[in-house]
Amino acid sequence: MRRCPTDAEGCLWTAMRGGGRLVRLDPEGRLLKEVPVPVAQPSSCAFGGPGLDVLYVTTGREGLGPHSAGPAGSVLAVRGLSVRGLPVNRFGA
């Protein structure tokens, strides 16, 4: 099961695989923000960095062919979103 990160304001972030964007949803499921990314297949995202203010995005290359342009198959760092993630609970803590 893939878990989508929640920010400090209680909103959910998710990568839209095949959609080339990230979305932020409020707790009722309403779309608050769309963030385009330079890949067709963003696959997952998580907050990180010292201030939990960087959204890291994994991306896929499957089915794109050997000559696809852009950073497909890499990890992107999205900054400047003006939101912070929540710290994760450590296993066994």
Protein backbone atom coordinates (compact mmCIF):
# COMPACT_ATOMS: atom_id res chain seq x y z
CA MET A 1 0.00 0.00 0.00
CA ARG A 2 1.34 3.41 -0.97
CA ARG A 3 0.90 6.11 1.65
CA CYS A 4 0.64 9.71 0.49
CA PRO A 5 2.23 12.37 2.66
CA THR A 6 0.21 14.84 4.70
CA ASP A 7 1.43 18.36 5.25
CA ALA A 8 1.32 20.33 8.51
CA GLU A 9 -2.03 21.85 7.47
CA GLY A 10 -3.64 18.39 7.21
CA CYS A 11 -3.68 18.30 3.40
CA LEU A 12 -2.76 15.25 1.34
CA TRP A 13 -0.17 15.29 -1.46
CA THR A 14 -0.13 12.68 -4.21
CA ALA A 15 1.65 12.07 -7.51
CA MET A 16 -0.61 11.65 -10.53
CA ARG A 17 1.02 8.82 -12.47
CA GLY A 18 0.48 9.46 -16.16
CA GLY A 19 -0.68 12.97 -15.36
CA GLY A 20 2.63 14.80 -15.06
CA ARG A 21 1.66 16.60 -11.87
CA LEU A 22 1.35 16.52 -8.10
CA VAL A 23 -1.88 17.46 -6.38
CA ARG A 24 -2.72 18.78 -2.94
CA LEU A 25 -6.12 17.85 -1.52
CA ASP A 26 -7.80 19.22 1.59
CA PRO A 27 -9.16 16.78 4.22
CA GLU A 28 -12.54 16.72 2.42
CA GLY A 29 -10.88 15.73 -0.87
CA ARG A 30 -11.13 19.09 -2.63
CA LEU A 31 -8.32 20.00 -5.01
CA LEU A 32 -6.31 22.91 -3.62
CA LYS A 33 -3.23 22.94 -5.81
CA GLU A 34 -1.69 21.29 -8.86
CA VAL A 35 2.07 21.33 -9.35
CA PRO A 36 3.30 20.34 -12.82
CA VAL A 37 6.45 18.22 -12.95
CA PRO A 38 8.69 17.67 -16.00
CA VAL A 39 7.90 13.94 -16.26
CA ALA A 40 4.91 11.95 -17.47
CA GLN A 41 5.03 9.39 -14.68
CA PRO A 42 5.56 10.80 -11.20
CA SER A 43 5.09 7.81 -8.93
CA SER A 44 5.29 8.85 -5.28
CA CYS A 45 6.22 11.77 -3.06
CA ALA A 46 7.47 12.42 0.46
CA PHE A 47 8.46 15.46 2.48
CA GLY A 48 12.07 15.74 3.59
CA GLY A 49 14.97 18.06 4.22
CA PRO A 50 15.95 19.67 7.52
CA GLY A 51 12.75 21.75 7.66
CA LEU A 52 10.49 19.12 6.02
CA ASP A 53 9.80 21.73 3.33
CA VAL A 54 11.10 19.84 0.28
CA LEU A 55 8.76 17.45 -1.52
CA TYR A 56 10.79 14.61 -3.05
CA VAL A 57 9.16 12.92 -6.03
CA THR A 58 10.09 9.54 -7.50
CA THR A 59 9.47 9.08 -11.22
CA GLY A 60 9.09 6.17 -13.61
CA ARG A 61 10.50 5.40 -17.05
CA GLU A 62 8.58 2.23 -17.82
CA GLY A 63 7.02 2.30 -21.27
CA LEU A 64 8.63 5.59 -22.29
CA GLY A 65 11.31 4.18 -24.56
CA PRO A 66 15.08 4.68 -24.57
CA HIS A 67 15.01 8.19 -26.04
CA SER A 68 12.45 9.83 -23.77
CA ALA A 69 13.39 13.37 -22.85
CA GLY A 70 13.54 14.77 -19.36
CA PRO A 71 14.43 13.38 -15.96
CA ALA A 72 12.16 10.31 -16.06
CA GLY A 73 13.47 7.57 -13.78
CA SER A 74 15.01 9.95 -11.27
CA VAL A 75 14.09 11.64 -8.00
CA LEU A 76 13.00 15.28 -8.18
CA ALA A 77 13.10 17.83 -5.35
CA VAL A 78 10.27 20.38 -5.36
CA ARG A 79 10.95 23.50 -3.28
CA GLY A 80 9.01 26.69 -2.67
CA LEU A 81 5.62 25.11 -1.94
CA SER A 82 5.17 27.19 1.26
CA VAL A 83 4.10 24.12 3.23
CA ARG A 84 5.92 21.67 5.50
CA GLY A 85 5.48 17.97 5.95
CA LEU A 86 4.96 16.19 9.23
CA PRO A 87 7.68 14.16 10.94
CA VAL A 88 7.17 10.42 10.62
CA ASN A 89 6.80 8.13 13.61
CA ARG A 90 9.86 5.99 14.01
CA PHE A 91 9.27 2.26 14.05
CA GLY A 92 9.41 0.93 17.60
CA ALA A 93 9.44 4.38 19.16
